[in-house]
Structure formats: C-alpha cells, structure tokens
Amino acid sequence: GKMNLSLLNSNGYGTANYNLEFENGTSKMEYYIS
C-alpha cells in the first residue's frame, strides 16, 4: 500500500503484467496481475 496504481501510472509505469511465485516453508503461492 505504499504505492497505488494511480501514482504508479502517473510515473509512467501503469501498464504491466506480473507472474510471481513465492515459497513459505513448504507452501507455494502463485500470483498474477495485469
């Protein structure tokens, strides 16, 4: 929450796709945002 999409967009970075994989111990998390 330190940055919001409106501010990111005003800085020229408001269009992107992220695929992320995280591990927490034996647990696996996958996150996607466009």
PDB file of all heavy atoms in Angstrom:
ATOM      1  N   GLY A   1       0.791  -1.221   0.000  1.00  0.00           N
ATOM      2  CA  GLY A   1       0.000   0.000   0.000  1.00  0.00           C
ATOM      3  C   GLY A   1       0.819   1.265   0.000  1.00  0.00           C
ATOM      4  O   GLY A   1       0.276   2.371   0.055  1.00  0.00           O
ATOM      5  N   LYS A   2       2.136   1.124  -0.064  1.00  0.00           N
ATOM      6  CA  LYS A   2       2.991   2.308  -0.090  1.00  0.00           C
ATOM      7  C   LYS A   2       2.855   3.038  -1.434  1.00  0.00           C
ATOM      8  O   LYS A   2       3.069   4.245  -1.527  1.00  0.00           O
ATOM      9  CB  LYS A   2       4.448   1.908   0.147  1.00  0.00           C
ATOM     10  CG  LYS A   2       5.400   3.101   0.290  1.00  0.00           C
ATOM     11  CD  LYS A   2       6.785   2.642   0.654  1.00  0.00           C
ATOM     12  CE  LYS A   2       7.746   3.834   0.770  1.00  0.00           C
ATOM     13  NZ  LYS A   2       7.347   4.748   1.845  1.00  0.00           N
ATOM     14  N   MET A   3       2.488   2.299  -2.468  1.00  0.00           N
ATOM     15  CA  MET A   3       2.263   2.868  -3.794  1.00  0.00           C
ATOM     16  C   MET A   3       0.907   2.382  -4.286  1.00  0.00           C
ATOM     17  O   MET A   3       0.523   1.244  -4.031  1.00  0.00           O
ATOM     18  CB  MET A   3       3.364   2.405  -4.756  1.00  0.00           C
ATOM     19  CG  MET A   3       3.172   2.813  -6.209  1.00  0.00           C
ATOM     20  SD  MET A   3       3.736   4.465  -6.573  1.00  0.00           S
ATOM     21  CE  MET A   3       5.525   4.205  -6.515  1.00  0.00           C
ATOM     22  N   ASN A   4       0.149   3.260  -4.962  1.00  0.00           N
ATOM     23  CA  ASN A   4      -1.096   2.815  -5.581  1.00  0.00           C
ATOM     24  C   ASN A   4      -0.953   2.891  -7.100  1.00  0.00           C
ATOM     25  O   ASN A   4      -0.033   3.514  -7.627  1.00  0.00           O
ATOM     26  CB  ASN A   4      -2.296   3.615  -5.088  1.00  0.00           C
ATOM     27  CG  ASN A   4      -2.157   5.103  -5.353  1.00  0.00           C
ATOM     28  OD1 ASN A   4      -1.855   5.518  -6.472  1.00  0.00           O
ATOM     29  ND2 ASN A   4      -2.393   5.913  -4.331  1.00  0.00           N
ATOM     30  N   LEU A   5      -1.865   2.244  -7.796  1.00  0.00           N
ATOM     31  CA  LEU A   5      -1.746   2.164  -9.246  1.00  0.00           C
ATOM     32  C   LEU A   5      -1.882   3.529  -9.915  1.00  0.00           C
ATOM     33  O   LEU A   5      -1.264   3.772 -10.946  1.00  0.00           O
ATOM     34  CB  LEU A   5      -2.797   1.207  -9.800  1.00  0.00           C
ATOM     35  CG  LEU A   5      -2.400  -0.274  -9.819  1.00  0.00           C
ATOM     36  CD1 LEU A   5      -3.561  -1.129 -10.269  1.00  0.00           C
ATOM     37  CD2 LEU A   5      -1.196  -0.509 -10.718  1.00  0.00           C
ATOM     38  N   SER A   6      -2.664   4.406  -9.332  1.00  0.00           N
ATOM     39  CA  SER A   6      -2.808   5.743  -9.916  1.00  0.00           C
ATOM     40  C   SER A   6      -1.477   6.476  -9.906  1.00  0.00           C
ATOM     41  O   SER A   6      -1.091   7.105 -10.898  1.00  0.00           O
ATOM     42  CB  SER A   6      -3.865   6.539  -9.145  1.00  0.00           C
ATOM     43  OG  SER A   6      -5.131   5.933  -9.255  1.00  0.00           O
ATOM     44  N   LEU A   7      -0.758   6.389  -8.782  1.00  0.00           N
ATOM     45  CA  LEU A   7       0.549   7.040  -8.692  1.00  0.00           C
ATOM     46  C   LEU A   7       1.558   6.357  -9.594  1.00  0.00           C
ATOM     47  O   LEU A   7       2.359   7.011 -10.276  1.00  0.00           O
ATOM     48  CB  LEU A   7       1.038   7.038  -7.238  1.00  0.00           C
ATOM     49  CG  LEU A   7       2.390   7.708  -6.965  1.00  0.00           C
ATOM     50  CD1 LEU A   7       2.373   9.161  -7.444  1.00  0.00           C
ATOM     51  CD2 LEU A   7       2.738   7.636  -5.484  1.00  0.00           C
ATOM     52  N   LEU A   8       1.529   5.015  -9.617  1.00  0.00           N
ATOM     53  CA  LEU A   8       2.447   4.282 -10.490  1.00  0.00           C
ATOM     54  C   LEU A   8       2.204   4.656 -11.952  1.00  0.00           C
ATOM     55  O   LEU A   8       3.147   4.840 -12.724  1.00  0.00           O
ATOM     56  CB  LEU A   8       2.244   2.777 -10.282  1.00  0.00           C
ATOM     57  CG  LEU A   8       3.356   1.855 -10.796  1.00  0.00           C
ATOM     58  CD1 LEU A   8       4.642   2.075 -10.030  1.00  0.00           C
ATOM     59  CD2 LEU A   8       2.923   0.396 -10.678  1.00  0.00           C
ATOM     60  N   ASN A   9       0.946   4.809 -12.304  1.00  0.00           N
ATOM     61  CA  ASN A   9       0.609   5.194 -13.672  1.00  0.00           C
ATOM     62  C   ASN A   9       1.083   6.598 -13.998  1.00  0.00           C
ATOM     63  O   ASN A   9       1.601   6.862 -15.088  1.00  0.00           O
ATOM     64  CB  ASN A   9      -0.905   5.087 -13.874  1.00  0.00           C
ATOM     65  CG  ASN A   9      -1.316   5.274 -15.316  1.00  0.00           C
ATOM     66  OD1 ASN A   9      -0.761   4.642 -16.211  1.00  0.00           O
ATOM     67  ND2 ASN A   9      -2.287   6.149 -15.568  1.00  0.00           N
ATOM     68  N   SER A  10       0.934   7.520 -13.041  1.00  0.00           N
ATOM     69  CA  SER A  10       1.385   8.894 -13.279  1.00  0.00           C
ATOM     70  C   SER A  10       2.892   8.980 -13.426  1.00  0.00           C
ATOM     71  O   SER A  10       3.415   9.913 -14.042  1.00  0.00           O
ATOM     72  CB  SER A  10       0.919   9.804 -12.130  1.00  0.00           C
ATOM     73  OG  SER A  10       1.581   9.481 -10.919  1.00  0.00           O
ATOM     74  N   ASN A  11       3.612   7.976 -12.884  1.00  0.00           N
ATOM     75  CA  ASN A  11       5.072   7.922 -13.020  1.00  0.00           C
ATOM     76  C   ASN A  11       5.509   7.174 -14.278  1.00  0.00           C
ATOM     77  O   ASN A  11       6.705   6.989 -14.512  1.00  0.00           O
ATOM     78  CB  ASN A  11       5.701   7.256 -11.797  1.00  0.00           C
ATOM     79  CG  ASN A  11       5.607   8.121 -10.560  1.00  0.00           C
ATOM     80  OD1 ASN A  11       5.519   9.348 -10.650  1.00  0.00           O
ATOM     81  ND2 ASN A  11       5.615   7.498  -9.384  1.00  0.00           N
ATOM     82  N   GLY A  12       4.538   6.734 -15.079  1.00  0.00           N
ATOM     83  CA  GLY A  12       4.865   6.092 -16.348  1.00  0.00           C
ATOM     84  C   GLY A  12       4.980   4.587 -16.302  1.00  0.00           C
ATOM     85  O   GLY A  12       5.457   3.965 -17.255  1.00  0.00           O
ATOM     86  N   TYR A  13       4.530   3.951 -15.195  1.00  0.00           N
ATOM     87  CA  TYR A  13       4.659   2.500 -15.040  1.00  0.00           C
ATOM     88  C   TYR A  13       3.313   1.818 -14.847  1.00  0.00           C
ATOM     89  O   TYR A  13       3.232   0.752 -14.230  1.00  0.00           O
ATOM     90  CB  TYR A  13       5.561   2.187 -13.841  1.00  0.00           C
ATOM     91  CG  TYR A  13       6.937   2.810 -13.917  1.00  0.00           C
ATOM     92  CD1 TYR A  13       7.309   3.828 -13.041  1.00  0.00           C
ATOM     93  CD2 TYR A  13       7.853   2.390 -14.871  1.00  0.00           C
ATOM     94  CE1 TYR A  13       8.575   4.407 -13.120  1.00  0.00           C
ATOM     95  CE2 TYR A  13       9.109   2.968 -14.955  1.00  0.00           C
ATOM     96  CZ  TYR A  13       9.464   3.973 -14.080  1.00  0.00           C
ATOM     97  OH  TYR A  13      10.713   4.542 -14.153  1.00  0.00           O
ATOM     98  N   GLY A  14       2.265   2.393 -15.387  1.00  0.00           N
ATOM     99  CA  GLY A  14       0.918   1.904 -15.101  1.00  0.00           C
ATOM    100  C   GLY A  14       0.422   0.795 -15.982  1.00  0.00           C
ATOM    101  O   GLY A  14      -0.749   0.409 -15.889  1.00  0.00           O
ATOM    102  N   THR A  15       1.270   0.250 -16.857  1.00  0.00           N
ATOM    103  CA  THR A  15       0.876  -0.865 -17.727  1.00  0.00           C
ATOM    104  C   THR A  15       1.891  -1.995 -17.579  1.00  0.00           C
ATOM    105  O   THR A  15       3.058  -1.829 -17.947  1.00  0.00           O
ATOM    106  CB  THR A  15       0.796  -0.417 -19.200  1.00  0.00           C
ATOM    107  OG1 THR A  15      -0.184   0.616 -19.330  1.00  0.00           O
ATOM    108  CG2 THR A  15       0.425  -1.581 -20.097  1.00  0.00           C
ATOM    109  N   ALA A  16       1.479  -3.124 -17.031  1.00  0.00           N
ATOM    110  CA  ALA A  16       2.422  -4.229 -16.798  1.00  0.00           C
ATOM    111  C   ALA A  16       1.668  -5.512 -16.485  1.00  0.00           C
ATOM    112  O   ALA A  16       0.499  -5.494 -16.090  1.00  0.00           O
ATOM    113  CB  ALA A  16       3.378  -3.895 -15.653  1.00  0.00           C
ATOM    114  N   ASN A  17       2.364  -6.643 -16.662  1.00  0.00           N
ATOM    115  CA  ASN A  17       1.898  -7.965 -16.241  1.00  0.00           C
ATOM    116  C   ASN A  17       2.940  -8.555 -15.304  1.00  0.00           C
ATOM    117  O   ASN A  17       4.141  -8.546 -15.623  1.00  0.00           O
ATOM    118  CB  ASN A  17       1.732  -8.920 -17.429  1.00  0.00           C
ATOM    119  CG  ASN A  17       0.742  -8.430 -18.455  1.00  0.00           C
ATOM    120  OD1 ASN A  17      -0.112  -7.612 -18.159  1.00  0.00           O
ATOM    121  ND2 ASN A  17       0.859  -8.942 -19.673  1.00  0.00           N
ATOM    122  N   TYR A  18       2.506  -9.089 -14.181  1.00  0.00           N
ATOM    123  CA  TYR A  18       3.389  -9.771 -13.230  1.00  0.00           C
ATOM    124  C   TYR A  18       2.921 -11.211 -13.042  1.00  0.00           C
ATOM    125  O   TYR A  18       1.738 -11.460 -12.781  1.00  0.00           O
ATOM    126  CB  TYR A  18       3.346  -9.113 -11.855  1.00  0.00           C
ATOM    127  CG  TYR A  18       4.160  -7.861 -11.669  1.00  0.00           C
ATOM    128  CD1 TYR A  18       3.603  -6.614 -11.911  1.00  0.00           C
ATOM    129  CD2 TYR A  18       5.481  -7.920 -11.219  1.00  0.00           C
ATOM    130  CE1 TYR A  18       4.335  -5.448 -11.710  1.00  0.00           C
ATOM    131  CE2 TYR A  18       6.221  -6.767 -11.015  1.00  0.00           C
ATOM    132  CZ  TYR A  18       5.639  -5.529 -11.257  1.00  0.00           C
ATOM    133  OH  TYR A  18       6.375  -4.380 -11.052  1.00  0.00           O
ATOM    134  N   ASN A  19       3.840 -12.160 -13.173  1.00  0.00           N
ATOM    135  CA  ASN A  19       3.675 -13.532 -12.696  1.00  0.00           C
ATOM    136  C   ASN A  19       4.695 -13.739 -11.592  1.00  0.00           C
ATOM    137  O   ASN A  19       5.904 -13.572 -11.833  1.00  0.00           O
ATOM    138  CB  ASN A  19       3.942 -14.548 -13.814  1.00  0.00           C
ATOM    139  CG  ASN A  19       2.776 -14.725 -14.748  1.00  0.00           C
ATOM    140  OD1 ASN A  19       1.861 -15.480 -14.477  1.00  0.00           O
ATOM    141  ND2 ASN A  19       2.824 -14.010 -15.865  1.00  0.00           N
ATOM    142  N   LEU A  20       4.245 -14.107 -10.394  1.00  0.00           N
ATOM    143  CA  LEU A  20       5.142 -14.259  -9.248  1.00  0.00           C
ATOM    144  C   LEU A  20       4.895 -15.603  -8.573  1.00  0.00           C
ATOM    145  O   LEU A  20       3.743 -16.029  -8.430  1.00  0.00           O
ATOM    146  CB  LEU A  20       4.908 -13.147  -8.225  1.00  0.00           C
ATOM    147  CG  LEU A  20       5.078 -11.707  -8.712  1.00  0.00           C
ATOM    148  CD1 LEU A  20       4.338 -10.747  -7.796  1.00  0.00           C
ATOM    149  CD2 LEU A  20       6.546 -11.335  -8.781  1.00  0.00           C
ATOM    150  N   GLU A  21       5.984 -16.241  -8.158  1.00  0.00           N
ATOM    151  CA  GLU A  21       5.898 -17.441  -7.325  1.00  0.00           C
ATOM    152  C   GLU A  21       6.632 -17.182  -6.021  1.00  0.00           C
ATOM    153  O   GLU A  21       7.764 -16.682  -6.017  1.00  0.00           O
ATOM    154  CB  GLU A  21       6.522 -18.658  -8.020  1.00  0.00           C
ATOM    155  CG  GLU A  21       5.709 -19.207  -9.168  1.00  0.00           C
ATOM    156  CD  GLU A  21       6.260 -20.526  -9.699  1.00  0.00           C
ATOM    157  OE1 GLU A  21       7.313 -20.972  -9.191  1.00  0.00           O
ATOM    158  OE2 GLU A  21       5.641 -21.099 -10.607  1.00  0.00           O
ATOM    159  N   PHE A  22       5.991 -17.524  -4.911  1.00  0.00           N
ATOM    160  CA  PHE A  22       6.579 -17.375  -3.586  1.00  0.00           C
ATOM    161  C   PHE A  22       6.600 -18.728  -2.884  1.00  0.00           C
ATOM    162  O   PHE A  22       5.747 -19.586  -3.142  1.00  0.00           O
ATOM    163  CB  PHE A  22       5.763 -16.403  -2.725  1.00  0.00           C
ATOM    164  CG  PHE A  22       5.729 -14.987  -3.235  1.00  0.00           C
ATOM    165  CD1 PHE A  22       4.692 -14.549  -4.048  1.00  0.00           C
ATOM    166  CD2 PHE A  22       6.722 -14.083  -2.891  1.00  0.00           C
ATOM    167  CE1 PHE A  22       4.647 -13.247  -4.511  1.00  0.00           C
ATOM    168  CE2 PHE A  22       6.692 -12.776  -3.349  1.00  0.00           C
ATOM    169  CZ  PHE A  22       5.646 -12.354  -4.166  1.00  0.00           C
ATOM    170  N   GLU A  23       7.566 -18.880  -1.971  1.00  0.00           N
ATOM    171  CA  GLU A  23       7.603 -20.061  -1.104  1.00  0.00           C
ATOM    172  C   GLU A  23       7.658 -19.609   0.344  1.00  0.00           C
ATOM    173  O   GLU A  23       8.385 -18.675   0.693  1.00  0.00           O
ATOM    174  CB  GLU A  23       8.818 -20.946  -1.409  1.00  0.00           C
ATOM    175  CG  GLU A  23       8.636 -21.828  -2.617  1.00  0.00           C
ATOM    176  CD  GLU A  23       9.761 -22.828  -2.788  1.00  0.00           C
ATOM    177  OE1 GLU A  23      10.662 -22.859  -1.910  1.00  0.00           O
ATOM    178  OE2 GLU A  23       9.760 -23.566  -3.777  1.00  0.00           O
ATOM    179  N   ASN A  24       6.864 -20.265   1.168  1.00  0.00           N
ATOM    180  CA  ASN A  24       6.869 -20.011   2.608  1.00  0.00           C
ATOM    181  C   ASN A  24       6.912 -21.364   3.294  1.00  0.00           C
ATOM    182  O   ASN A  24       5.883 -22.003   3.488  1.00  0.00           O
ATOM    183  CB  ASN A  24       5.624 -19.222   3.012  1.00  0.00           C
ATOM    184  CG  ASN A  24       5.689 -18.727   4.443  1.00  0.00           C
ATOM    185  OD1 ASN A  24       6.706 -18.877   5.121  1.00  0.00           O
ATOM    186  ND2 ASN A  24       4.608 -18.152   4.922  1.00  0.00           N
ATOM    187  N   GLY A  25       8.134 -21.799   3.621  1.00  0.00           N
ATOM    188  CA  GLY A  25       8.282 -23.149   4.126  1.00  0.00           C
ATOM    189  C   GLY A  25       7.969 -24.138   3.021  1.00  0.00           C
ATOM    190  O   GLY A  25       8.548 -24.104   1.943  1.00  0.00           O
ATOM    191  N   THR A  26       7.004 -25.000   3.252  1.00  0.00           N
ATOM    192  CA  THR A  26       6.609 -25.981   2.236  1.00  0.00           C
ATOM    193  C   THR A  26       5.437 -25.494   1.389  1.00  0.00           C
ATOM    194  O   THR A  26       5.005 -26.174   0.465  1.00  0.00           O
ATOM    195  CB  THR A  26       6.222 -27.311   2.906  1.00  0.00           C
ATOM    196  OG1 THR A  26       5.133 -27.076   3.819  1.00  0.00           O
ATOM    197  CG2 THR A  26       7.400 -27.906   3.658  1.00  0.00           C
ATOM    198  N   SER A  27       4.928 -24.321   1.713  1.00  0.00           N
ATOM    199  CA  SER A  27       3.779 -23.788   0.994  1.00  0.00           C
ATOM    200  C   SER A  27       4.232 -22.968  -0.215  1.00  0.00           C
ATOM    201  O   SER A  27       5.244 -22.266  -0.175  1.00  0.00           O
ATOM    202  CB  SER A  27       2.937 -22.907   1.922  1.00  0.00           C
ATOM    203  OG  SER A  27       1.793 -22.405   1.259  1.00  0.00           O
ATOM    204  N   LYS A  28       3.455 -23.058  -1.307  1.00  0.00           N
ATOM    205  CA  LYS A  28       3.771 -22.360  -2.537  1.00  0.00           C
ATOM    206  C   LYS A  28       2.604 -21.456  -2.922  1.00  0.00           C
ATOM    207  O   LYS A  28       1.448 -21.878  -2.893  1.00  0.00           O
ATOM    208  CB  LYS A  28       4.055 -23.358  -3.650  1.00  0.00           C
ATOM    209  CG  LYS A  28       4.404 -22.729  -4.994  1.00  0.00           C
ATOM    210  CD  LYS A  28       4.676 -23.814  -6.035  1.00  0.00           C
ATOM    211  CE  LYS A  28       4.984 -23.231  -7.404  1.00  0.00           C
ATOM    212  NZ  LYS A  28       5.222 -24.292  -8.419  1.00  0.00           N
ATOM    213  N   MET A  29       2.904 -20.230  -3.286  1.00  0.00           N
ATOM    214  CA  MET A  29       1.895 -19.256  -3.658  1.00  0.00           C
ATOM    215  C   MET A  29       2.203 -18.711  -5.049  1.00  0.00           C
ATOM    216  O   MET A  29       3.350 -18.396  -5.352  1.00  0.00           O
ATOM    217  CB  MET A  29       1.871 -18.111  -2.635  1.00  0.00           C
ATOM    218  CG  MET A  29       0.801 -17.072  -2.866  1.00  0.00           C
ATOM    219  SD  MET A  29       0.816 -15.782  -1.562  1.00  0.00           S
ATOM    220  CE  MET A  29       0.230 -16.742  -0.155  1.00  0.00           C
ATOM    221  N   GLU A  30       1.199 -18.619  -5.904  1.00  0.00           N
ATOM    222  CA  GLU A  30       1.360 -18.061  -7.238  1.00  0.00           C
ATOM    223  C   GLU A  30       0.382 -16.889  -7.399  1.00  0.00           C
ATOM    224  O   GLU A  30      -0.814 -17.022  -7.097  1.00  0.00           O
ATOM    225  CB  GLU A  30       1.085 -19.107  -8.312  1.00  0.00           C
ATOM    226  CG  GLU A  30       2.063 -20.268  -8.288  1.00  0.00           C
ATOM    227  CD  GLU A  30       1.812 -21.260  -9.410  1.00  0.00           C
ATOM    228  OE1 GLU A  30       1.200 -20.858 -10.425  1.00  0.00           O
ATOM    229  OE2 GLU A  30       2.228 -22.421  -9.269  1.00  0.00           O
ATOM    230  N   TYR A  31       0.915 -15.776  -7.878  1.00  0.00           N
ATOM    231  CA  TYR A  31       0.109 -14.560  -8.015  1.00  0.00           C
ATOM    232  C   TYR A  31       0.309 -13.987  -9.408  1.00  0.00           C
ATOM    233  O   TYR A  31       1.430 -13.945  -9.920  1.00  0.00           O
ATOM    234  CB  TYR A  31       0.543 -13.527  -6.970  1.00  0.00           C
ATOM    235  CG  TYR A  31      -0.190 -12.213  -7.050  1.00  0.00           C
ATOM    236  CD1 TYR A  31      -1.440 -12.041  -6.449  1.00  0.00           C
ATOM    237  CD2 TYR A  31       0.373 -11.121  -7.718  1.00  0.00           C
ATOM    238  CE1 TYR A  31      -2.110 -10.826  -6.521  1.00  0.00           C
ATOM    239  CE2 TYR A  31      -0.295  -9.909  -7.790  1.00  0.00           C
ATOM    240  CZ  TYR A  31      -1.537  -9.771  -7.191  1.00  0.00           C
ATOM    241  OH  TYR A  31      -2.198  -8.561  -7.258  1.00  0.00           O
ATOM    242  N   TYR A  32      -0.793 -13.570 -10.016  1.00  0.00           N
ATOM    243  CA  TYR A  32      -0.740 -12.950 -11.338  1.00  0.00           C
ATOM    244  C   TYR A  32      -1.591 -11.689 -11.336  1.00  0.00           C
ATOM    245  O   TYR A  32      -2.702 -11.677 -10.789  1.00  0.00           O
ATOM    246  CB  TYR A  32      -1.265 -13.903 -12.416  1.00  0.00           C
ATOM    247  CG  TYR A  32      -1.370 -13.255 -13.779  1.00  0.00           C
ATOM    248  CD1 TYR A  32      -0.224 -13.074 -14.555  1.00  0.00           C
ATOM    249  CD2 TYR A  32      -2.589 -12.801 -14.269  1.00  0.00           C
ATOM    250  CE1 TYR A  32      -0.312 -12.460 -15.803  1.00  0.00           C
ATOM    251  CE2 TYR A  32      -2.679 -12.192 -15.519  1.00  0.00           C
ATOM    252  CZ  TYR A  32      -1.536 -12.023 -16.275  1.00  0.00           C
ATOM    253  OH  TYR A  32      -1.614 -11.416 -17.504  1.00  0.00           O
ATOM    254  N   ILE A  33      -1.059 -10.621 -11.924  1.00  0.00           N
ATOM    255  CA  ILE A  33      -1.833  -9.397 -12.078  1.00  0.00           C
ATOM    256  C   ILE A  33      -1.473  -8.755 -13.407  1.00  0.00           C
ATOM    257  O   ILE A  33      -0.313  -8.784 -13.844  1.00  0.00           O
ATOM    258  CB  ILE A  33      -1.592  -8.403 -10.912  1.00  0.00           C
ATOM    259  CG1 ILE A  33      -2.565  -7.214 -11.007  1.00  0.00           C
ATOM    260  CG2 ILE A  33      -0.146  -7.923 -10.869  1.00  0.00           C
ATOM    261  CD1 ILE A  33      -2.575  -6.334  -9.777  1.00  0.00           C
ATOM    262  N   SER A  34      -2.468  -8.200 -14.064  1.00  0.00           N
ATOM    263  CA  SER A  34      -2.281  -7.467 -15.308  1.00  0.00           C
ATOM    264  C   SER A  34      -3.028  -6.151 -15.190  1.00  0.00           C
ATOM    265  O   SER A  34      -4.209  -6.132 -14.808  1.00  0.00           O
ATOM    266  CB  SER A  34      -2.824  -8.281 -16.492  1.00  0.00           C
ATOM    267  OG  SER A  34      -2.736  -7.526 -17.698  1.00  0.00           O
TER     268      SER A  34
END
